[in-house]
Amino acid sequence: MKDFKEFNIKPNATRFVGDKIKMSRVLNKKVTVQDFKIEPSKYPKKEGDKCLTIQIEINGEKHILFTSSSVLTDQIQQVNKNDFPFSSVIVQEGESFEFR
């Protein structure tokens, strides 16, 4: 009988590590954005709502940040994958969050 590791099958999904962190704990702090993924929201408020999952690092600790912010989603999609990781500060402008 073969052992599974002999198949040399690797997971397809990007894995995010660290504790989930709330946006309020990240606001106005310098973070390192390491990776992201965008998926349909499990809790859509309207058709087409997306969930942005961001792998970040703060003070050497990795965290996972979930948000439905369309501004952050739009901004992060414009960053070339070769430019990851990058540092930024997430700020709140009115009802929206954005990278600065």
PDB file of N, CA and C in Angstrom:
ATOM      1  N   MET A   1       0.847  -1.170   0.000  1.00  0.00           N
ATOM      2  CA  MET A   1       0.000   0.000   0.000  1.00  0.00           C
ATOM      3  C   MET A   1       0.902   1.245   0.000  1.00  0.00           C
ATOM      4  N   LYS A   2       0.538   2.219  -0.829  1.00  0.00           N
ATOM      5  CA  LYS A   2       1.303   3.458  -0.902  1.00  0.00           C
ATOM      6  C   LYS A   2       0.938   4.381   0.245  1.00  0.00           C
ATOM      7  N   ASP A   3       1.895   5.192   0.611  1.00  0.00           N
ATOM      8  CA  ASP A   3       1.691   6.233   1.605  1.00  0.00           C
ATOM      9  C   ASP A   3       1.342   7.515   0.846  1.00  0.00           C
ATOM     10  N   PHE A   4       0.441   8.338   1.385  1.00  0.00           N
ATOM     11  CA  PHE A   4      -0.002   9.546   0.694  1.00  0.00           C
ATOM     12  C   PHE A   4       1.158  10.433   0.270  1.00  0.00           C
ATOM     13  N   LYS A   5       2.174  10.576   1.093  1.00  0.00           N
ATOM     14  CA  LYS A   5       3.289  11.477   0.754  1.00  0.00           C
ATOM     15  C   LYS A   5       4.026  11.034  -0.500  1.00  0.00           C
ATOM     16  N   GLU A   6       3.875   9.774  -0.909  1.00  0.00           N
ATOM     17  CA  GLU A   6       4.506   9.282  -2.140  1.00  0.00           C
ATOM     18  C   GLU A   6       3.851   9.866  -3.390  1.00  0.00           C
ATOM     19  N   PHE A   7       2.622  10.344  -3.268  1.00  0.00           N
ATOM     20  CA  PHE A   7       1.928  10.926  -4.414  1.00  0.00           C
ATOM     21  C   PHE A   7       2.459  12.311  -4.766  1.00  0.00           C
ATOM     22  N   ASN A   8       3.185  12.939  -3.834  1.00  0.00           N
ATOM     23  CA  ASN A   8       3.762  14.268  -4.035  1.00  0.00           C
ATOM     24  C   ASN A   8       2.694  15.292  -4.442  1.00  0.00           C
ATOM     25  N   ILE A   9       1.551  15.249  -3.772  1.00  0.00           N
ATOM     26  CA  ILE A   9       0.448  16.177  -4.035  1.00  0.00           C
ATOM     27  C   ILE A   9       0.551  17.338  -3.054  1.00  0.00           C
ATOM     28  N   LYS A  10       0.608  18.530  -3.605  1.00  0.00           N
ATOM     29  CA  LYS A  10       0.706  19.739  -2.793  1.00  0.00           C
ATOM     30  C   LYS A  10      -0.639  20.464  -2.778  1.00  0.00           C
ATOM     31  N   PRO A  11      -0.973  21.153  -1.680  1.00  0.00           N
ATOM     32  CA  PRO A  11      -2.232  21.909  -1.641  1.00  0.00           C
ATOM     33  C   PRO A  11      -2.211  23.047  -2.652  1.00  0.00           C
ATOM     34  N   ASN A  12      -3.372  23.282  -3.280  1.00  0.00           N
ATOM     35  CA  ASN A  12      -3.493  24.359  -4.263  1.00  0.00           C
ATOM     36  C   ASN A  12      -3.730  25.719  -3.620  1.00  0.00           C
ATOM     37  N   ALA A  13      -4.396  25.730  -2.495  1.00  0.00           N
ATOM     38  CA  ALA A  13      -4.803  26.988  -1.860  1.00  0.00           C
ATOM     39  C   ALA A  13      -3.640  27.656  -1.134  1.00  0.00           C
ATOM     40  N   THR A  14      -3.662  28.979  -1.178  1.00  0.00           N
ATOM     41  CA  THR A  14      -2.714  29.750  -0.399  1.00  0.00           C
ATOM     42  C   THR A  14      -3.128  29.662   1.063  1.00  0.00           C
ATOM     43  N   ARG A  15      -2.175  29.379   1.901  1.00  0.00           N
ATOM     44  CA  ARG A  15      -2.489  29.272   3.324  1.00  0.00           C
ATOM     45  C   ARG A  15      -2.109  30.560   4.036  1.00  0.00           C
ATOM     46  N   PHE A  16      -3.023  31.002   4.863  1.00  0.00           N
ATOM     47  CA  PHE A  16      -2.787  32.174   5.675  1.00  0.00           C
ATOM     48  C   PHE A  16      -2.601  31.699   7.109  1.00  0.00           C
ATOM     49  N   VAL A  17      -1.614  32.275   7.788  1.00  0.00           N
ATOM     50  CA  VAL A  17      -1.315  31.845   9.152  1.00  0.00           C
ATOM     51  C   VAL A  17      -1.444  33.010  10.104  1.00  0.00           C
ATOM     52  N   GLY A  18      -1.691  32.685  11.364  1.00  0.00           N
ATOM     53  CA  GLY A  18      -1.810  33.700  12.391  1.00  0.00           C
ATOM     54  C   GLY A  18      -3.225  33.806  12.907  1.00  0.00           C
ATOM     55  N   ASP A  19      -3.366  34.608  13.933  1.00  0.00           N
ATOM     56  CA  ASP A  19      -4.676  34.830  14.531  1.00  0.00           C
ATOM     57  C   ASP A  19      -5.466  35.842  13.717  1.00  0.00           C
ATOM     58  N   LYS A  20      -6.776  35.664  13.702  1.00  0.00           N
ATOM     59  CA  LYS A  20      -7.656  36.650  13.083  1.00  0.00           C
ATOM     60  C   LYS A  20      -7.577  37.920  13.926  1.00  0.00           C
ATOM     61  N   ILE A  21      -7.508  39.055  13.245  1.00  0.00           N
ATOM     62  CA  ILE A  21      -7.404  40.329  13.946  1.00  0.00           C
ATOM     63  C   ILE A  21      -8.499  41.261  13.434  1.00  0.00           C
ATOM     64  N   LYS A  22      -9.050  42.056  14.316  1.00  0.00           N
ATOM     65  CA  LYS A  22     -10.103  43.002  13.944  1.00  0.00           C
ATOM     66  C   LYS A  22      -9.496  44.249  13.314  1.00  0.00           C
ATOM     67  N   MET A  23     -10.248  44.837  12.412  1.00  0.00           N
ATOM     68  CA  MET A  23      -9.801  46.051  11.728  1.00  0.00           C
ATOM     69  C   MET A  23      -9.456  47.149  12.730  1.00  0.00           C
ATOM     70  N   SER A  24     -10.208  47.252  13.805  1.00  0.00           N
ATOM     71  CA  SER A  24      -9.967  48.309  14.793  1.00  0.00           C
ATOM     72  C   SER A  24      -8.574  48.213  15.419  1.00  0.00           C
ATOM     73  N   ARG A  25      -7.995  47.015  15.468  1.00  0.00           N
ATOM     74  CA  ARG A  25      -6.661  46.837  16.043  1.00  0.00           C
ATOM     75  C   ARG A  25      -5.549  47.137  15.041  1.00  0.00           C
ATOM     76  N   VAL A  26      -5.932  47.309  13.776  1.00  0.00           N
ATOM     77  CA  VAL A  26      -4.961  47.535  12.712  1.00  0.00           C
ATOM     78  C   VAL A  26      -4.937  48.998  12.267  1.00  0.00           C
ATOM     79  N   LEU A  27      -6.049  49.691  12.446  1.00  0.00           N
ATOM     80  CA  LEU A  27      -6.164  51.066  11.947  1.00  0.00           C
ATOM     81  C   LEU A  27      -5.031  51.950  12.427  1.00  0.00           C
ATOM     82  N   ASN A  28      -4.489  52.729  11.490  1.00  0.00           N
ATOM     83  CA  ASN A  28      -3.461  53.739  11.741  1.00  0.00           C
ATOM     84  C   ASN A  28      -2.145  53.147  12.254  1.00  0.00           C
ATOM     85  N   LYS A  29      -1.914  51.863  12.019  1.00  0.00           N
ATOM     86  CA  LYS A  29      -0.647  51.222  12.394  1.00  0.00           C
ATOM     87  C   LYS A  29       0.056  50.745  11.138  1.00  0.00           C
ATOM     88  N   LYS A  30       1.367  50.793  11.161  1.00  0.00           N
ATOM     89  CA  LYS A  30       2.158  50.300  10.036  1.00  0.00           C
ATOM     90  C   LYS A  30       2.068  48.783  10.015  1.00  0.00           C
ATOM     91  N   VAL A  31       1.650  48.226   8.874  1.00  0.00           N
ATOM     92  CA  VAL A  31       1.555  46.786   8.703  1.00  0.00           C
ATOM     93  C   VAL A  31       2.325  46.377   7.452  1.00  0.00           C
ATOM     94  N   THR A  32       2.750  45.130   7.418  1.00  0.00           N
ATOM     95  CA  THR A  32       3.328  44.554   6.214  1.00  0.00           C
ATOM     96  C   THR A  32       2.280  43.645   5.602  1.00  0.00           C
ATOM     97  N   VAL A  33       1.889  43.956   4.378  1.00  0.00           N
ATOM     98  CA  VAL A  33       0.910  43.153   3.654  1.00  0.00           C
ATOM     99  C   VAL A  33       1.683  42.105   2.872  1.00  0.00           C
ATOM    100  N   GLN A  34       1.455  40.835   3.199  1.00  0.00           N
ATOM    101  CA  GLN A  34       2.223  39.766   2.579  1.00  0.00           C
ATOM    102  C   GLN A  34       1.500  39.083   1.429  1.00  0.00           C
ATOM    103  N   ASP A  35       0.183  38.952   1.528  1.00  0.00           N
ATOM    104  CA  ASP A  35      -0.581  38.268   0.492  1.00  0.00           C
ATOM    105  C   ASP A  35      -2.067  38.572   0.701  1.00  0.00           C
ATOM    106  N   PHE A  36      -2.881  38.178  -0.274  1.00  0.00           N
ATOM    107  CA  PHE A  36      -4.321  38.378  -0.146  1.00  0.00           C
ATOM    108  C   PHE A  36      -5.060  37.390  -1.036  1.00  0.00           C
ATOM    109  N   LYS A  37      -6.342  37.239  -0.753  1.00  0.00           N
ATOM    110  CA  LYS A  37      -7.230  36.520  -1.660  1.00  0.00           C
ATOM    111  C   LYS A  37      -8.606  37.163  -1.563  1.00  0.00           C
ATOM    112  N   ILE A  38      -9.365  37.049  -2.642  1.00  0.00           N
ATOM    113  CA  ILE A  38     -10.705  37.620  -2.712  1.00  0.00           C
ATOM    114  C   ILE A  38     -11.664  36.494  -3.058  1.00  0.00           C
ATOM    115  N   GLU A  39     -12.702  36.363  -2.246  1.00  0.00           N
ATOM    116  CA  GLU A  39     -13.702  35.321  -2.443  1.00  0.00           C
ATOM    117  C   GLU A  39     -15.084  35.922  -2.259  1.00  0.00           C
ATOM    118  N   PRO A  40     -16.115  35.223  -2.737  1.00  0.00           N
ATOM    119  CA  PRO A  40     -17.479  35.698  -2.454  1.00  0.00           C
ATOM    120  C   PRO A  40     -17.711  35.719  -0.941  1.00  0.00           C
ATOM    121  N   SER A  41     -18.393  36.739  -0.469  1.00  0.00           N
ATOM    122  CA  SER A  41     -18.669  36.861   0.955  1.00  0.00           C
ATOM    123  C   SER A  41     -19.643  35.786   1.420  1.00  0.00           C
ATOM    124  N   LYS A  42     -19.410  35.272   2.613  1.00  0.00           N
ATOM    125  CA  LYS A  42     -20.345  34.324   3.213  1.00  0.00           C
ATOM    126  C   LYS A  42     -21.552  35.060   3.784  1.00  0.00           C
ATOM    127  N   TYR A  43     -21.424  36.370   3.955  1.00  0.00           N
ATOM    128  CA  TYR A  43     -22.488  37.197   4.529  1.00  0.00           C
ATOM    129  C   TYR A  43     -22.770  38.391   3.615  1.00  0.00           C
ATOM    130  N   PRO A  44     -23.211  38.143   2.385  1.00  0.00           N
ATOM    131  CA  PRO A  44     -23.406  39.269   1.456  1.00  0.00           C
ATOM    132  C   PRO A  44     -24.567  40.166   1.860  1.00  0.00           C
ATOM    133  N   LYS A  45     -24.333  41.463   1.743  1.00  0.00           N
ATOM    134  CA  LYS A  45     -25.386  42.442   1.999  1.00  0.00           C
ATOM    135  C   LYS A  45     -26.102  42.779   0.696  1.00  0.00           C
ATOM    136  N   LYS A  46     -25.381  42.578  -0.404  1.00  0.00           N
ATOM    137  CA  LYS A  46     -25.956  42.803  -1.731  1.00  0.00           C
ATOM    138  C   LYS A  46     -25.258  41.855  -2.705  1.00  0.00           C
ATOM    139  N   GLU A  47     -25.820  41.749  -3.885  1.00  0.00           N
ATOM    140  CA  GLU A  47     -25.256  40.865  -4.907  1.00  0.00           C
ATOM    141  C   GLU A  47     -23.828  41.281  -5.251  1.00  0.00           C
ATOM    142  N   GLY A  48     -22.928  40.327  -5.308  1.00  0.00           N
ATOM    143  CA  GLY A  48     -21.552  40.614  -5.700  1.00  0.00           C
ATOM    144  C   GLY A  48     -20.631  40.999  -4.564  1.00  0.00           C
ATOM    145  N   ASP A  49     -21.106  40.987  -3.321  1.00  0.00           N
ATOM    146  CA  ASP A  49     -20.228  41.316  -2.192  1.00  0.00           C
ATOM    147  C   ASP A  49     -19.051  40.352  -2.138  1.00  0.00           C
ATOM    148  N   LYS A  50     -17.893  40.896  -1.884  1.00  0.00           N
ATOM    149  CA  LYS A  50     -16.664  40.116  -1.817  1.00  0.00           C
ATOM    150  C   LYS A  50     -16.088  40.176  -0.410  1.00  0.00           C
ATOM    151  N   CYS A  51     -15.316  39.150  -0.071  1.00  0.00           N
ATOM    152  CA  CYS A  51     -14.571  39.131   1.182  1.00  0.00           C
ATOM    153  C   CYS A  51     -13.087  39.155   0.831  1.00  0.00           C
ATOM    154  N   LEU A  52     -12.397  40.148   1.324  1.00  0.00           N
ATOM    155  CA  LEU A  52     -10.955  40.274   1.127  1.00  0.00           C
ATOM    156  C   LEU A  52     -10.266  39.707   2.358  1.00  0.00           C
ATOM    157  N   THR A  53      -9.410  38.716   2.149  1.00  0.00           N
ATOM    158  CA  THR A  53      -8.612  38.134   3.220  1.00  0.00           C
ATOM    159  C   THR A  53      -7.182  38.594   3.005  1.00  0.00           C
ATOM    160  N   ILE A  54      -6.600  39.219   4.024  1.00  0.00           N
ATOM    161  CA  ILE A  54      -5.250  39.773   3.901  1.00  0.00           C
ATOM    162  C   ILE A  54      -4.340  39.135   4.938  1.00  0.00           C
ATOM    163  N   GLN A  55      -3.191  38.633   4.474  1.00  0.00           N
ATOM    164  CA  GLN A  55      -2.152  38.140   5.383  1.00  0.00           C
ATOM    165  C   GLN A  55      -1.271  39.340   5.715  1.00  0.00           C
ATOM    166  N   ILE A  56      -1.269  39.736   6.985  1.00  0.00           N
ATOM    167  CA  ILE A  56      -0.470  40.890   7.394  1.00  0.00           C
ATOM    168  C   ILE A  56       0.486  40.482   8.504  1.00  0.00           C
ATOM    169  N   GLU A  57       1.458  41.356   8.720  1.00  0.00           N
ATOM    170  CA  GLU A  57       2.395  41.173   9.820  1.00  0.00           C
ATOM    171  C   GLU A  57       2.511  42.505  10.557  1.00  0.00           C
ATOM    172  N   ILE A  58       2.399  42.436  11.883  1.00  0.00           N
ATOM    173  CA  ILE A  58       2.558  43.612  12.736  1.00  0.00           C
ATOM    174  C   ILE A  58       3.568  43.252  13.807  1.00  0.00           C
ATOM    175  N   ASN A  59       4.618  44.045  13.910  1.00  0.00           N
ATOM    176  CA  ASN A  59       5.656  43.815  14.920  1.00  0.00           C
ATOM    177  C   ASN A  59       6.145  42.369  14.934  1.00  0.00           C
ATOM    178  N   GLY A  60       6.347  41.804  13.745  1.00  0.00           N
ATOM    179  CA  GLY A  60       6.877  40.456  13.628  1.00  0.00           C
ATOM    180  C   GLY A  60       5.868  39.336  13.821  1.00  0.00           C
ATOM    181  N   GLU A  61       4.608  39.659  14.103  1.00  0.00           N
ATOM    182  CA  GLU A  61       3.569  38.640  14.295  1.00  0.00           C
ATOM    183  C   GLU A  61       2.622  38.631  13.100  1.00  0.00           C
ATOM    184  N   LYS A  62       2.336  37.435  12.596  1.00  0.00           N
ATOM    185  CA  LYS A  62       1.433  37.290  11.461  1.00  0.00           C
ATOM    186  C   LYS A  62      -0.006  37.227  11.943  1.00  0.00           C
ATOM    187  N   HIS A  63      -0.873  37.883  11.162  1.00  0.00           N
ATOM    188  CA  HIS A  63      -2.300  37.920  11.449  1.00  0.00           C
ATOM    189  C   HIS A  63      -3.081  37.797  10.151  1.00  0.00           C
ATOM    190  N   ILE A  64      -4.350  37.452  10.292  1.00  0.00           N
ATOM    191  CA  ILE A  64      -5.258  37.387   9.151  1.00  0.00           C
ATOM    192  C   ILE A  64      -6.350  38.424   9.370  1.00  0.00           C
ATOM    193  N   LEU A  65      -6.570  39.242   8.347  1.00  0.00           N
ATOM    194  CA  LEU A  65      -7.562  40.310   8.407  1.00  0.00           C
ATOM    195  C   LEU A  65      -8.629  40.045   7.349  1.00  0.00           C
ATOM    196  N   PHE A  66      -9.896  40.029   7.750  1.00  0.00           N
ATOM    197  CA  PHE A  66     -11.025  39.860   6.834  1.00  0.00           C
ATOM    198  C   PHE A  66     -11.762  41.185   6.734  1.00  0.00           C
ATOM    199  N   THR A  67     -12.152  41.566   5.512  1.00  0.00           N
ATOM    200  CA  THR A  67     -12.912  42.795   5.318  1.00  0.00           C
ATOM    201  C   THR A  67     -13.738  42.701   4.041  1.00  0.00           C
ATOM    202  N   SER A  68     -14.830  43.436   4.020  1.00  0.00           N
ATOM    203  CA  SER A  68     -15.630  43.549   2.799  1.00  0.00           C
ATOM    204  C   SER A  68     -15.434  44.922   2.158  1.00  0.00           C
ATOM    205  N   SER A  69     -14.414  45.638   2.580  1.00  0.00           N
ATOM    206  CA  SER A  69     -14.142  46.978   2.065  1.00  0.00           C
ATOM    207  C   SER A  69     -13.862  46.945   0.563  1.00  0.00           C
ATOM    208  N   SER A  70     -14.737  47.583  -0.210  1.00  0.00           N
ATOM    209  CA  SER A  70     -14.543  47.620  -1.665  1.00  0.00           C
ATOM    210  C   SER A  70     -13.341  48.484  -2.044  1.00  0.00           C
ATOM    211  N   VAL A  71     -13.040  49.502  -1.237  1.00  0.00           N
ATOM    212  CA  VAL A  71     -11.886  50.362  -1.525  1.00  0.00           C
ATOM    213  C   VAL A  71     -10.589  49.575  -1.336  1.00  0.00           C
ATOM    214  N   LEU A  72     -10.445  48.877  -0.214  1.00  0.00           N
ATOM    215  CA  LEU A  72      -9.246  48.064   0.008  1.00  0.00           C
ATOM    216  C   LEU A  72      -9.115  46.977  -1.055  1.00  0.00           C
ATOM    217  N   THR A  73     -10.244  46.357  -1.406  1.00  0.00           N
ATOM    218  CA  THR A  73     -10.232  45.312  -2.433  1.00  0.00           C
ATOM    219  C   THR A  73      -9.747  45.870  -3.753  1.00  0.00           C
ATOM    220  N   ASP A  74     -10.271  47.014  -4.141  1.00  0.00           N
ATOM    221  CA  ASP A  74      -9.860  47.654  -5.397  1.00  0.00           C
ATOM    222  C   ASP A  74      -8.380  48.038  -5.365  1.00  0.00           C
ATOM    223  N   GLN A  75      -7.939  48.633  -4.259  1.00  0.00           N
ATOM    224  CA  GLN A  75      -6.549  49.074  -4.162  1.00  0.00           C
ATOM    225  C   GLN A  75      -5.575  47.896  -4.223  1.00  0.00           C
ATOM    226  N   ILE A  76      -5.856  46.825  -3.481  1.00  0.00           N
ATOM    227  CA  ILE A  76      -4.900  45.720  -3.403  1.00  0.00           C
ATOM    228  C   ILE A  76      -4.802  44.972  -4.736  1.00  0.00           C
ATOM    229  N   GLN A  77      -5.883  44.964  -5.509  1.00  0.00           N
ATOM    230  CA  GLN A  77      -5.848  44.311  -6.822  1.00  0.00           C
ATOM    231  C   GLN A  77      -4.960  45.060  -7.808  1.00  0.00           C
ATOM    232  N   GLN A  78      -4.703  46.335  -7.538  1.00  0.00           N
ATOM    233  CA  GLN A  78      -3.870  47.137  -8.429  1.00  0.00           C
ATOM    234  C   GLN A  78      -2.377  46.976  -8.141  1.00  0.00           C
ATOM    235  N   VAL A  79      -2.038  46.323  -7.035  1.00  0.00           N
ATOM    236  CA  VAL A  79      -0.633  46.103  -6.684  1.00  0.00           C
ATOM    237  C   VAL A  79      -0.133  44.894  -7.461  1.00  0.00           C
ATOM    238  N   ASN A  80       0.990  45.063  -8.137  1.00  0.00           N
ATOM    239  CA  ASN A  80       1.614  43.972  -8.875  1.00  0.00           C
ATOM    240  C   ASN A  80       2.066  42.896  -7.899  1.00  0.00           C
ATOM    241  N   LYS A  81       1.810  41.629  -8.224  1.00  0.00           N
ATOM    242  CA  LYS A  81       2.183  40.517  -7.333  1.00  0.00           C
ATOM    243  C   LYS A  81       3.682  40.520  -7.023  1.00  0.00           C
ATOM    244  N   ASN A  82       4.500  41.069  -7.920  1.00  0.00           N
ATOM    245  CA  ASN A  82       5.950  41.149  -7.682  1.00  0.00           C
ATOM    246  C   ASN A  82       6.300  42.175  -6.612  1.00  0.00           C
ATOM    247  N   ASP A  83       5.357  43.045  -6.266  1.00  0.00           N
ATOM    248  CA  ASP A  83       5.610  44.087  -5.274  1.00  0.00           C
ATOM    249  C   ASP A  83       5.229  43.663  -3.849  1.00  0.00           C
ATOM    250  N   PHE A  84       4.810  42.419  -3.686  1.00  0.00           N
ATOM    251  CA  PHE A  84       4.515  41.876  -2.353  1.00  0.00           C
ATOM    252  C   PHE A  84       5.783  41.290  -1.761  1.00  0.00           C
ATOM    253  N   PRO A  85       5.997  41.415  -0.481  1.00  0.00           N
ATOM    254  CA  PRO A  85       5.208  42.153   0.504  1.00  0.00           C
ATOM    255  C   PRO A  85       5.471  43.656   0.399  1.00  0.00           C
ATOM    256  N   PHE A  86       4.548  44.454   0.934  1.00  0.00           N
ATOM    257  CA  PHE A  86       4.713  45.899   0.986  1.00  0.00           C
ATOM    258  C   PHE A  86       4.199  46.395   2.331  1.00  0.00           C
ATOM    259  N   SER A  87       4.650  47.569   2.731  1.00  0.00           N
ATOM    260  CA  SER A  87       4.183  48.138   3.995  1.00  0.00           C
ATOM    261  C   SER A  87       3.164  49.232   3.707  1.00  0.00           C
ATOM    262  N   SER A  88       2.261  49.413   4.643  1.00  0.00           N
ATOM    263  CA  SER A  88       1.211  50.405   4.484  1.00  0.00           C
ATOM    264  C   SER A  88       0.577  50.685   5.837  1.00  0.00           C
ATOM    265  N   VAL A  89      -0.267  51.696   5.837  1.00  0.00           N
ATOM    266  CA  VAL A  89      -1.102  52.010   6.986  1.00  0.00           C
ATOM    267  C   VAL A  89      -2.537  51.978   6.476  1.00  0.00           C
ATOM    268  N   ILE A  90      -3.420  51.287   7.194  1.00  0.00           N
ATOM    269  CA  ILE A  90      -4.832  51.269   6.824  1.00  0.00           C
ATOM    270  C   ILE A  90      -5.529  52.341   7.656  1.00  0.00           C
ATOM    271  N   VAL A  91      -6.199  53.260   6.958  1.00  0.00           N
ATOM    272  CA  VAL A  91      -6.878  54.363   7.637  1.00  0.00           C
ATOM    273  C   VAL A  91      -8.365  54.314   7.317  1.00  0.00           C
ATOM    274  N   GLN A  92      -9.148  54.979   8.127  1.00  0.00           N
ATOM    275  CA  GLN A  92     -10.582  55.081   7.886  1.00  0.00           C
ATOM    276  C   GLN A  92     -10.886  56.482   7.387  1.00  0.00           C
ATOM    277  N   GLU A  93     -11.539  56.539   6.230  1.00  0.00           N
ATOM    278  CA  GLU A  93     -11.987  57.796   5.647  1.00  0.00           C
ATOM    279  C   GLU A  93     -13.505  57.738   5.585  1.00  0.00           C
ATOM    280  N   GLY A  94     -14.177  58.398   6.511  1.00  0.00           N
ATOM    281  CA  GLY A  94     -15.632  58.313   6.575  1.00  0.00           C
ATOM    282  C   GLY A  94     -16.046  56.896   6.904  1.00  0.00           C
ATOM    283  N   GLU A  95     -16.800  56.267   6.020  1.00  0.00           N
ATOM    284  CA  GLU A  95     -17.252  54.890   6.215  1.00  0.00           C
ATOM    285  C   GLU A  95     -16.325  53.882   5.545  1.00  0.00           C
ATOM    286  N   SER A  96     -15.288  54.352   4.848  1.00  0.00           N
ATOM    287  CA  SER A  96     -14.416  53.481   4.077  1.00  0.00           C
ATOM    288  C   SER A  96     -13.050  53.314   4.717  1.00  0.00           C
ATOM    289  N   PHE A  97     -12.401  52.187   4.397  1.00  0.00           N
ATOM    290  CA  PHE A  97     -11.017  51.940   4.785  1.00  0.00           C
ATOM    291  C   PHE A  97     -10.164  52.006   3.528  1.00  0.00           C
ATOM    292  N   GLU A  98      -8.926  52.504   3.680  1.00  0.00           N
ATOM    293  CA  GLU A  98      -8.028  52.557   2.533  1.00  0.00           C
ATOM    294  C   GLU A  98      -6.583  52.433   2.953  1.00  0.00           C
ATOM    295  N   PHE A  99      -5.755  51.965   2.007  1.00  0.00           N
ATOM    296  CA  PHE A  99      -4.319  51.889   2.226  1.00  0.00           C
ATOM    297  C   PHE A  99      -3.706  53.259   1.991  1.00  0.00           C
ATOM    298  N   ARG A 100      -2.732  53.602   2.799  1.00  0.00           N
ATOM    299  CA  ARG A 100      -1.970  54.857   2.581  1.00  0.00           C
ATOM    300  C   ARG A 100      -0.503  54.549   2.713  1.00  0.00           C
TER     301      ARG A 100
END
